[in-house]
Amino acid sequence: MTAQLSKKAEAWSARFNEPVSDLVKRYTASVFFDKRLAKADIQGSLAHAEMLAAQGIISAQDRAEIERGMAQIGAEIEAGQFEWLLDLEDVHLNIEKRLTELVGDAGKRLHTGRSRNDQVATDIRLYVRSAIDDVLALLNALRGALTDLAEKNADTILPGFTHMQVAQPITFGHHMLAYVEMFGRDAERMADARKRVNRLPLGAAALAGTTFPIDRVRVAKTLGFDDVCHNSLDAVSDRDFAIEFTAAASLIMTHISRMSEELIIWMSPRVGFIDIADRFCTGSSIMPQKKNPDVPELARGKTGRVYGHLMGLLTLMKGQPLAYNKDNQEDKEPLFDTVDTVVDTLRIFADMAGGITVKPDNMRAAALQGYATATDLADYLVKKGLPFRDAHEAVAHAVRACDDLKIDLAEMSLEQLRAFSTLIEDDVFAVLTLEGSVAARDHVGGTAPNQVRAAIARVRAQLK
């Protein structure tokens, strides 16, 4: 029985009296999803082999053979010619088995001083680090596309809303820059999370370290890690970094979903503020007039998918004792899907932002509804010496009168306006225009067109 088992190349075969059942193999195997870690696995193994040779644990010849074998394995994987075997359970054993076939005993010596526990922890950190770098680049691309859109519309006026009711006039450029700020914070969070991702677990072995004279700092430098994990138990069992990445990804998707909601509303013919390029929309199988904003709708839905992965990872880790447990195999699929979802979403949104057509006339018409300059009139009265609460009350009466007359504040005569405060003079009408309203908010963070352009310049400097 032992001889039979060894032919199947399980890493633990000599310990067992019977083979693992086919059902258990399928249930416990991860190779068909963790094979995407192959590049990181090879990268980590090469760094480990280099260190083993430098420390005299394996020979220079063994290291050279390992490098030769790994080069061939990498080429086979790249070409789609590598045979992934369920019997070998995971990416690590599949690569190790193939390496041994190619280079013999040198391949068997590679695993000296390490375990699959610290090996997989290293692979995942390398994978997440690379994913963060991709996400940061895509966030910059999206911020750049939204900044371009903002610059084109620094003077375009639309209503700003609170409670989905017309509040005050703003510029569309200012509105787009709000999302630029959100995605900027997302980039900060990802960059900060990268610091904690970028610590090397390799060398922790199964849980307690190794008896071999390894040099963990050397491996960390080779792989571009900033530091090593300083406790072997924590090194192999920690998945905080994956949870933190997924939490940051969830916030990215929150911002994507908020923007999606607005794009969907703005594209509705009842609002008609924007149009989205046809390549991001679909039609209806029955209604020939339809143009549906499928990309924003689907992104809004995929946000819940990423939230679910975050909850799954938190739940996965909450009851685990130290150190490594098989539960941790379940971290990969939600993590991988989060990376795929966020990367694809950011890529398509950066492209879609460049395909948004703004309809300024419709935006302006909407800004003329709902007495959007009422606050400007109150501020005007305050500047004339009236206490703000009294000014607020006077303008509320004026708005009620406008409502009865079915006119806007700007359409009232001076005589009508003075009925609510004798402080009102001819200069009030400049205050009640949409352009006057936005131009008056001329401070850092305000919606005035020149402040929008100054904010754009700041963003462009950040993105260089």
Protein backbone atom coordinates (compact mmCIF):
# COMPACT_ATOMS: atom_id res chain seq x y z
CA MET A 1 0.00 0.00 0.00
CA THR A 2 2.84 2.41 0.87
CA ALA A 3 4.46 1.83 -2.52
CA GLN A 4 1.17 2.44 -4.27
CA LEU A 5 0.66 5.71 -2.44
CA SER A 6 4.14 7.01 -3.15
CA LYS A 7 3.48 6.70 -6.87
CA LYS A 8 0.70 9.26 -6.46
CA ALA A 9 3.21 11.70 -4.93
CA GLU A 10 1.18 12.91 -1.97
CA ALA A 11 3.51 14.89 0.27
CA TRP A 12 2.43 12.82 3.27
CA SER A 13 1.86 9.43 1.60
CA ALA A 14 4.08 7.27 3.81
CA ARG A 15 2.07 8.20 6.91
CA PHE A 16 -1.25 6.76 5.65
CA ASN A 17 -2.60 3.25 5.25
CA GLU A 18 -5.18 3.99 2.58
CA PRO A 19 -5.52 6.53 -0.21
CA VAL A 20 -7.69 9.63 0.02
CA SER A 21 -11.11 9.04 -1.54
CA ASP A 22 -11.96 10.72 -4.82
CA LEU A 23 -14.73 12.69 -3.13
CA VAL A 24 -12.34 14.02 -0.48
CA LYS A 25 -9.80 14.89 -3.18
CA ARG A 26 -12.36 17.00 -4.99
CA TYR A 27 -13.58 18.54 -1.74
CA THR A 28 -10.16 19.48 -0.41
CA ALA A 29 -8.30 20.31 -3.63
CA SER A 30 -7.57 23.93 -4.51
CA VAL A 31 -5.47 23.53 -7.61
CA PHE A 32 -8.13 24.60 -10.07
CA PHE A 33 -8.41 28.03 -8.49
CA ASP A 34 -5.07 28.55 -6.74
CA LYS A 35 -3.14 27.84 -9.93
CA ARG A 36 -3.36 31.55 -10.59
CA LEU A 37 -0.71 31.84 -7.86
CA ALA A 38 1.75 29.95 -10.05
CA LYS A 39 3.80 33.00 -11.02
CA ALA A 40 4.12 34.08 -7.38
CA ASP A 41 4.88 30.50 -6.34
CA ILE A 42 7.76 30.26 -8.82
CA GLN A 43 9.02 33.71 -7.82
CA GLY A 44 9.04 32.75 -4.15
CA SER A 45 10.66 29.38 -4.82
CA LEU A 46 13.48 30.95 -6.82
CA ALA A 47 14.21 33.41 -4.01
CA HIS A 48 14.13 30.55 -1.48
CA ALA A 49 16.51 28.47 -3.60
CA GLU A 50 18.91 31.40 -4.00
CA MET A 51 19.00 31.82 -0.22
CA LEU A 52 19.44 28.09 0.43
CA ALA A 53 22.44 28.05 -1.90
CA ALA A 54 23.92 31.22 -0.37
CA GLN A 55 23.61 29.64 3.08
CA GLY A 56 25.22 26.40 1.93
CA ILE A 57 22.05 24.41 2.59
CA ILE A 58 21.87 23.26 -1.03
CA SER A 59 24.61 23.29 -3.65
CA ALA A 60 25.10 25.88 -6.36
CA GLN A 61 24.44 23.09 -8.86
CA ASP A 62 21.08 22.33 -7.22
CA ARG A 63 20.16 25.99 -7.41
CA ALA A 64 21.09 26.13 -11.09
CA GLU A 65 18.99 23.03 -11.80
CA ILE A 66 16.04 24.48 -9.89
CA GLU A 67 16.27 27.70 -11.87
CA ARG A 68 16.43 25.77 -15.15
CA GLY A 69 13.42 23.66 -14.21
CA MET A 70 11.40 26.62 -13.01
CA ALA A 71 12.08 28.48 -16.25
CA GLN A 72 10.64 25.57 -18.20
CA ILE A 73 7.65 25.26 -15.89
CA GLY A 74 6.93 28.97 -16.24
CA ALA A 75 7.07 28.67 -20.01
CA GLU A 76 4.75 25.65 -19.96
CA ILE A 77 2.22 27.49 -17.81
CA GLU A 78 2.42 30.58 -19.99
CA ALA A 79 1.81 28.47 -23.10
CA GLY A 80 -1.09 26.61 -21.50
CA GLN A 81 0.81 23.32 -21.75
CA PHE A 82 1.21 22.61 -18.04
CA GLU A 83 -0.85 19.67 -16.79
CA TRP A 84 -2.63 20.51 -13.54
CA LEU A 85 -3.43 17.35 -11.59
CA LEU A 86 -6.22 17.05 -9.04
CA ASP A 87 -4.30 14.28 -7.26
CA LEU A 88 -1.59 16.81 -6.41
CA GLU A 89 -4.12 19.00 -4.60
CA ASP A 90 -2.69 22.50 -5.02
CA VAL A 91 -0.46 24.76 -7.08
CA HIS A 92 2.57 24.09 -4.87
CA LEU A 93 2.62 20.30 -5.17
CA ASN A 94 1.85 20.45 -8.89
CA ILE A 95 4.85 22.69 -9.54
CA GLU A 96 7.11 20.73 -7.18
CA LYS A 97 6.18 17.41 -8.83
CA ARG A 98 6.89 18.79 -12.30
CA LEU A 99 10.18 20.30 -11.09
CA THR A 100 11.27 16.93 -9.71
CA GLU A 101 10.42 15.31 -13.04
CA LEU A 102 12.61 17.86 -14.82
CA VAL A 103 15.61 18.13 -12.48
CA GLY A 104 15.47 15.11 -10.18
CA ASP A 105 16.78 15.34 -6.62
CA ALA A 106 17.46 19.07 -6.85
CA GLY A 107 13.70 19.56 -7.09
CA LYS A 108 13.19 17.48 -3.95
CA ARG A 109 15.66 19.64 -2.04
CA LEU A 110 13.82 22.88 -2.82
CA HIS A 111 11.34 22.42 0.00
CA THR A 112 14.08 22.35 2.62
CA GLY A 113 13.43 24.87 5.38
CA ARG A 114 9.92 25.76 4.38
CA SER A 115 6.33 24.45 4.57
CA ARG A 116 3.35 24.89 2.33
CA ASN A 117 1.98 27.03 5.18
CA ASP A 118 4.57 29.79 4.83
CA GLN A 119 4.82 29.13 1.10
CA VAL A 120 1.16 29.88 0.41
CA ALA A 121 1.19 32.87 2.76
CA THR A 122 4.09 34.27 0.73
CA ASP A 123 2.39 33.54 -2.58
CA ILE A 124 -0.80 35.31 -1.54
CA ARG A 125 1.10 38.35 -0.32
CA LEU A 126 2.97 38.56 -3.61
CA TYR A 127 -0.34 38.24 -5.47
CA VAL A 128 -2.11 40.89 -3.38
CA ARG A 129 0.86 43.25 -3.65
CA SER A 130 0.72 42.98 -7.43
CA ALA A 131 -3.07 43.44 -7.37
CA ILE A 132 -2.70 46.61 -5.28
CA ASP A 133 -0.21 48.01 -7.79
CA ASP A 134 -2.71 47.32 -10.59
CA VAL A 135 -5.56 48.89 -8.64
CA LEU A 136 -3.50 52.00 -7.87
CA ALA A 137 -2.70 52.48 -11.55
CA LEU A 138 -6.37 52.04 -12.48
CA LEU A 139 -7.54 54.45 -9.78
CA ASN A 140 -5.17 57.04 -11.21
CA ALA A 141 -6.54 56.41 -14.69
CA LEU A 142 -10.12 56.83 -13.49
CA ARG A 143 -9.25 59.96 -11.54
CA GLY A 144 -7.55 61.33 -14.64
CA ALA A 145 -10.60 60.62 -16.84
CA LEU A 146 -12.97 62.25 -14.33
CA THR A 147 -10.65 65.24 -14.04
CA ASP A 148 -10.73 65.65 -17.82
CA LEU A 149 -14.53 65.60 -17.69
CA ALA A 150 -14.48 68.13 -14.86
CA GLU A 151 -12.20 70.47 -16.77
CA LYS A 152 -14.52 70.47 -19.78
CA ASN A 153 -17.42 71.36 -17.51
CA ALA A 154 -15.89 73.75 -14.98
CA ASP A 155 -18.56 76.34 -15.89
CA THR A 156 -21.48 73.97 -16.55
CA ILE A 157 -24.21 74.60 -13.98
CA LEU A 158 -26.58 71.99 -12.60
CA PRO A 159 -28.55 71.71 -9.37
CA GLY A 160 -26.85 70.25 -6.33
CA PHE A 161 -29.15 68.07 -4.26
CA THR A 162 -29.68 67.13 -0.66
CA HIS A 163 -32.41 64.59 0.14
CA MET A 164 -32.76 64.37 -3.67
CA GLN A 165 -34.32 67.86 -3.56
CA VAL A 166 -32.85 70.87 -5.37
CA ALA A 167 -30.51 72.58 -2.90
CA GLN A 168 -28.06 75.03 -4.51
CA PRO A 169 -26.47 75.56 -7.93
CA ILE A 170 -23.12 73.87 -8.44
CA THR A 171 -20.92 73.17 -11.43
CA PHE A 172 -20.71 69.76 -13.04
CA GLY A 173 -16.94 70.01 -12.84
CA HIS A 174 -17.20 70.41 -9.08
CA HIS A 175 -19.51 67.40 -8.90
CA MET A 176 -17.06 65.21 -10.82
CA LEU A 177 -14.22 66.31 -8.58
CA ALA A 178 -16.14 64.94 -5.59
CA TYR A 179 -15.62 61.47 -7.05
CA VAL A 180 -12.00 62.29 -7.81
CA GLU A 181 -11.61 62.94 -4.08
CA MET A 182 -13.31 59.67 -3.16
CA PHE A 183 -11.11 57.64 -5.46
CA GLY A 184 -8.09 59.55 -4.16
CA ARG A 185 -8.87 58.34 -0.63
CA ASP A 186 -9.24 54.83 -2.05
CA ALA A 187 -5.74 55.11 -3.49
CA GLU A 188 -4.41 56.27 -0.12
CA ARG A 189 -6.02 53.29 1.61
CA MET A 190 -4.63 50.83 -0.92
CA ALA A 191 -1.14 52.31 -0.65
CA ASP A 192 -1.32 52.13 3.12
CA ALA A 193 -2.57 48.53 3.06
CA ARG A 194 0.35 47.64 0.79
CA LYS A 195 2.74 48.41 3.66
CA ARG A 196 1.23 45.61 5.74
CA VAL A 197 0.97 43.25 2.78
CA ASN A 198 4.64 43.71 2.02
CA ARG A 199 6.07 41.60 4.86
CA LEU A 200 7.62 38.19 4.25
CA PRO A 201 6.18 35.07 5.96
CA LEU A 202 8.62 32.64 4.31
CA GLY A 203 10.93 31.07 6.88
CA ALA A 204 8.15 30.56 9.42
CA ALA A 205 7.87 27.03 7.98
CA ALA A 206 4.88 25.11 9.33
CA LEU A 207 4.44 27.31 12.43
CA ALA A 208 7.60 27.35 14.57
CA GLY A 209 10.39 28.30 12.19
CA THR A 210 13.07 25.89 10.96
CA THR A 211 16.26 24.28 12.25
CA PHE A 212 18.16 25.24 9.09
CA PRO A 213 20.37 28.38 9.10
CA ILE A 214 18.15 30.37 6.76
CA ASP A 215 18.43 34.10 6.01
CA ARG A 216 14.91 35.50 5.90
CA VAL A 217 16.05 39.08 5.40
CA ARG A 218 17.92 38.03 2.26
CA VAL A 219 14.75 36.45 0.82
CA ALA A 220 12.73 39.52 1.75
CA LYS A 221 15.14 41.78 -0.15
CA THR A 222 15.16 39.47 -3.15
CA LEU A 223 11.36 39.51 -3.34
CA GLY A 224 11.06 43.24 -2.66
CA PHE A 225 9.46 42.92 0.77
CA ASP A 226 9.96 45.76 3.22
CA ASP A 227 10.32 43.49 6.24
CA VAL A 228 9.76 39.96 7.52
CA CYS A 229 6.84 38.78 9.65
CA HIS A 230 8.31 38.70 13.15
CA ASN A 231 6.32 35.85 14.69
CA SER A 232 6.24 32.46 13.00
CA LEU A 233 2.79 31.54 14.35
CA ASP A 234 1.28 34.79 13.11
CA ALA A 235 3.19 34.63 9.82
CA VAL A 236 1.49 31.44 8.61
CA SER A 237 -1.98 32.12 10.00
CA ASP A 238 -2.42 35.84 9.33
CA ARG A 239 -4.91 36.86 6.67
CA ASP A 240 -5.49 40.38 7.96
CA PHE A 241 -3.83 41.73 4.84
CA ALA A 242 -6.35 39.95 2.59
CA ILE A 243 -9.24 41.26 4.68
CA GLU A 244 -7.79 44.76 4.65
CA PHE A 245 -7.39 44.65 0.87
CA THR A 246 -10.98 43.46 0.48
CA ALA A 247 -12.23 46.17 2.86
CA ALA A 248 -10.43 48.83 0.81
CA ALA A 249 -11.83 47.24 -2.35
CA SER A 250 -15.32 47.38 -0.83
CA LEU A 251 -14.96 51.12 -0.32
CA ILE A 252 -13.85 51.51 -3.94
CA MET A 253 -16.99 49.69 -4.99
CA THR A 254 -19.07 51.87 -2.65
CA HIS A 255 -17.86 54.92 -4.55
CA ILE A 256 -18.34 53.19 -7.89
CA SER A 257 -21.90 52.32 -6.88
CA ARG A 258 -22.71 55.87 -5.76
CA MET A 259 -21.45 57.23 -9.06
CA SER A 260 -23.34 54.52 -10.94
CA GLU A 261 -26.58 55.52 -9.24
CA GLU A 262 -26.13 59.11 -10.37
CA LEU A 263 -25.20 58.15 -13.91
CA ILE A 264 -28.31 55.98 -14.14
CA ILE A 265 -30.55 58.80 -12.85
CA TRP A 266 -28.89 61.44 -15.01
CA MET A 267 -29.26 59.32 -18.15
CA SER A 268 -32.99 58.84 -17.64
CA PRO A 269 -34.98 60.86 -20.21
CA ARG A 270 -36.94 62.39 -17.33
CA VAL A 271 -33.68 63.99 -16.15
CA GLY A 272 -31.54 63.99 -19.30
CA PHE A 273 -28.36 65.46 -17.84
CA ILE A 274 -25.97 63.12 -19.68
CA ASP A 275 -25.69 60.42 -22.27
CA ILE A 276 -23.37 57.42 -22.03
CA ALA A 277 -21.61 56.13 -25.14
CA ASP A 278 -23.41 53.28 -26.87
CA ARG A 279 -20.58 50.81 -26.27
CA PHE A 280 -21.43 50.81 -22.54
CA CYS A 281 -25.17 50.29 -23.00
CA THR A 282 -27.57 47.68 -24.35
CA GLY A 283 -31.06 47.70 -25.81
CA SER A 284 -34.24 45.81 -25.13
CA SER A 285 -35.43 42.58 -26.72
CA ILE A 286 -38.96 44.00 -26.99
CA MET A 287 -38.75 47.81 -26.73
CA PRO A 288 -36.78 49.18 -29.69
CA GLN A 289 -36.40 52.68 -28.22
CA LYS A 290 -34.52 51.56 -25.11
CA LYS A 291 -30.91 52.39 -24.30
CA ASN A 292 -30.08 50.86 -20.94
CA PRO A 293 -27.06 51.91 -18.81
CA ASP A 294 -26.03 48.32 -18.20
CA VAL A 295 -22.46 48.99 -17.07
CA PRO A 296 -23.39 51.30 -14.17
CA GLU A 297 -26.26 49.00 -13.21
CA LEU A 298 -24.06 45.93 -13.16
CA ALA A 299 -21.32 47.73 -11.24
CA ARG A 300 -23.92 48.71 -8.66
CA GLY A 301 -24.83 45.04 -8.37
CA LYS A 302 -21.23 43.81 -8.24
CA THR A 303 -20.66 46.06 -5.25
CA GLY A 304 -22.76 43.67 -3.17
CA ARG A 305 -20.64 40.82 -4.45
CA VAL A 306 -17.47 42.41 -3.07
CA TYR A 307 -19.18 43.23 0.23
CA GLY A 308 -20.08 39.56 0.47
CA HIS A 309 -16.46 38.53 0.00
CA LEU A 310 -15.43 40.86 2.82
CA MET A 311 -18.02 39.36 5.15
CA GLY A 312 -16.93 35.87 4.08
CA LEU A 313 -13.27 36.51 4.87
CA LEU A 314 -14.07 38.06 8.25
CA THR A 315 -16.26 35.09 9.12
CA LEU A 316 -13.61 32.65 7.87
CA MET A 317 -11.02 34.00 10.29
CA LYS A 318 -13.08 34.79 13.36
CA GLY A 319 -12.93 31.37 15.05
CA GLN A 320 -9.54 30.01 14.04
CA PRO A 321 -7.02 29.03 16.72
CA LEU A 322 -3.32 29.41 15.98
CA ALA A 323 -1.69 28.49 13.74
CA TYR A 324 -2.56 27.40 10.19
CA ASN A 325 -5.87 25.60 9.56
CA LYS A 326 -7.34 24.14 6.38
CA ASP A 327 -10.09 26.76 6.61
CA ASN A 328 -7.61 29.22 5.16
CA GLN A 329 -7.86 27.51 1.80
CA GLU A 330 -11.23 29.26 1.53
CA ASP A 331 -9.58 32.69 1.46
CA LYS A 332 -8.51 32.47 -2.16
CA GLU A 333 -11.72 32.39 -4.20
CA PRO A 334 -13.27 35.47 -2.55
CA LEU A 335 -9.95 37.27 -2.73
CA PHE A 336 -9.40 36.38 -6.38
CA ASP A 337 -12.94 37.39 -7.33
CA THR A 338 -12.57 40.68 -5.48
CA VAL A 339 -9.41 41.45 -7.46
CA ASP A 340 -11.08 40.52 -10.75
CA THR A 341 -14.21 42.54 -10.00
CA VAL A 342 -12.43 45.70 -8.87
CA VAL A 343 -9.82 45.63 -11.64
CA ASP A 344 -12.40 45.07 -14.39
CA THR A 345 -14.76 47.69 -12.95
CA LEU A 346 -12.10 50.38 -12.64
CA ARG A 347 -10.80 49.68 -16.12
CA ILE A 348 -14.23 49.96 -17.74
CA PHE A 349 -15.24 53.04 -15.70
CA ALA A 350 -12.11 54.93 -16.74
CA ASP A 351 -13.05 54.23 -20.36
CA MET A 352 -16.72 55.03 -19.78
CA ALA A 353 -15.94 58.41 -18.18
CA GLY A 354 -14.41 59.48 -21.48
CA GLY A 355 -17.64 58.48 -23.24
CA ILE A 356 -20.00 60.69 -21.19
CA THR A 357 -21.76 63.45 -23.11
CA VAL A 358 -23.00 66.31 -20.95
CA LYS A 359 -26.27 68.13 -21.75
CA PRO A 360 -25.75 71.60 -20.23
CA ASP A 361 -29.11 73.06 -21.30
CA ASN A 362 -31.02 70.38 -19.43
CA MET A 363 -28.78 70.82 -16.39
CA ARG A 364 -29.35 74.57 -16.41
CA ALA A 365 -33.12 74.20 -16.77
CA ALA A 366 -33.16 71.87 -13.78
CA ALA A 367 -31.09 74.32 -11.72
CA LEU A 368 -33.77 76.96 -12.34
CA GLN A 369 -36.31 74.76 -10.57
CA GLY A 370 -36.70 74.48 -6.83
CA TYR A 371 -35.51 77.99 -5.86
CA ALA A 372 -31.86 76.99 -5.89
CA THR A 373 -30.64 80.53 -5.13
CA ALA A 374 -32.75 80.96 -1.97
CA THR A 375 -29.69 80.56 0.25
CA ASP A 376 -27.92 83.24 -1.80
CA LEU A 377 -30.76 85.63 -1.04
CA ALA A 378 -30.50 84.83 2.68
CA ASP A 379 -26.72 85.40 2.57
CA TYR A 380 -27.35 88.71 0.77
CA LEU A 381 -29.61 89.88 3.60
CA VAL A 382 -27.05 88.84 6.21
CA LYS A 383 -24.40 90.90 4.45
CA LYS A 384 -26.85 93.83 4.63
CA GLY A 385 -26.95 93.45 8.40
CA LEU A 386 -29.92 91.15 9.06
CA PRO A 387 -29.30 88.25 11.50
CA PHE A 388 -29.17 84.94 9.65
CA ARG A 389 -32.25 83.43 11.33
CA ASP A 390 -34.30 86.50 10.41
CA ALA A 391 -32.92 86.37 6.86
CA HIS A 392 -33.81 82.69 6.65
CA GLU A 393 -37.39 83.45 7.72
CA ALA A 394 -37.78 86.33 5.27
CA VAL A 395 -36.58 84.22 2.33
CA ALA A 396 -38.86 81.35 3.36
CA HIS A 397 -41.83 83.73 3.04
CA ALA A 398 -40.53 84.89 -0.35
CA VAL A 399 -40.26 81.30 -1.56
CA ARG A 400 -43.79 80.57 -0.43
CA ALA A 401 -45.01 83.59 -2.40
CA CYS A 402 -43.07 82.42 -5.47
CA ASP A 403 -44.68 79.03 -5.09
CA ASP A 404 -48.12 80.61 -5.16
CA LEU A 405 -47.22 82.79 -8.15
CA LYS A 406 -45.46 79.92 -9.98
CA ILE A 407 -42.35 82.02 -10.59
CA ASP A 408 -38.69 81.88 -9.54
CA LEU A 409 -37.10 84.27 -7.06
CA ALA A 410 -35.15 85.88 -9.91
CA GLU A 411 -38.45 86.59 -11.70
CA MET A 412 -39.82 88.69 -8.83
CA SER A 413 -39.74 92.44 -9.20
CA LEU A 414 -37.73 94.58 -6.81
CA GLU A 415 -40.98 95.85 -5.31
CA GLN A 416 -42.17 92.28 -4.68
CA LEU A 417 -38.87 91.30 -3.07
CA ARG A 418 -38.77 94.39 -0.84
CA ALA A 419 -42.08 93.27 0.64
CA PHE A 420 -40.06 90.66 2.54
CA SER A 421 -37.18 92.96 3.55
CA THR A 422 -36.56 96.65 2.98
CA LEU A 423 -32.82 95.86 2.92
CA ILE A 424 -33.18 94.45 -0.59
CA GLU A 425 -31.89 96.76 -3.33
CA ASP A 426 -31.22 96.65 -7.09
CA ASP A 427 -27.99 94.69 -6.62
CA VAL A 428 -29.99 91.65 -5.47
CA PHE A 429 -30.57 90.39 -9.00
CA ALA A 430 -26.88 89.67 -9.56
CA VAL A 431 -27.06 87.44 -6.49
CA LEU A 432 -30.08 85.53 -7.76
CA THR A 433 -28.50 84.37 -11.04
CA LEU A 434 -27.10 80.86 -11.30
CA GLU A 435 -23.73 82.20 -12.43
CA GLY A 436 -23.62 84.65 -9.55
CA SER A 437 -24.47 81.89 -7.08
CA VAL A 438 -21.66 79.55 -8.11
CA ALA A 439 -19.12 82.35 -8.58
CA ALA A 440 -19.78 83.60 -5.04
CA ARG A 441 -18.54 80.32 -3.52
CA ASP A 442 -14.97 81.31 -4.23
CA HIS A 443 -12.86 79.52 -1.63
CA VAL A 444 -10.87 76.30 -1.45
CA GLY A 445 -13.32 73.44 -1.90
CA GLY A 446 -16.04 75.71 -3.29
CA THR A 447 -17.94 75.28 -6.54
CA ALA A 448 -16.80 78.55 -8.19
CA PRO A 449 -15.38 77.80 -11.65
CA ASN A 450 -11.96 79.26 -10.83
CA GLN A 451 -11.81 77.07 -7.69
CA VAL A 452 -12.76 74.06 -9.80
CA ARG A 453 -9.88 74.82 -12.13
CA ALA A 454 -7.50 75.26 -9.20
CA ALA A 455 -8.63 71.90 -7.82
CA ILE A 456 -8.05 70.31 -11.22
CA ALA A 457 -4.50 71.66 -11.25
CA ARG A 458 -3.88 70.13 -7.81
CA VAL A 459 -5.19 66.74 -8.93
CA ARG A 460 -3.10 66.79 -12.08
CA ALA A 461 0.00 67.48 -9.99
CA GLN A 462 -0.84 64.47 -7.79
CA LEU A 463 -1.32 62.22 -10.80
CA LYS A 464 2.03 63.01 -12.42
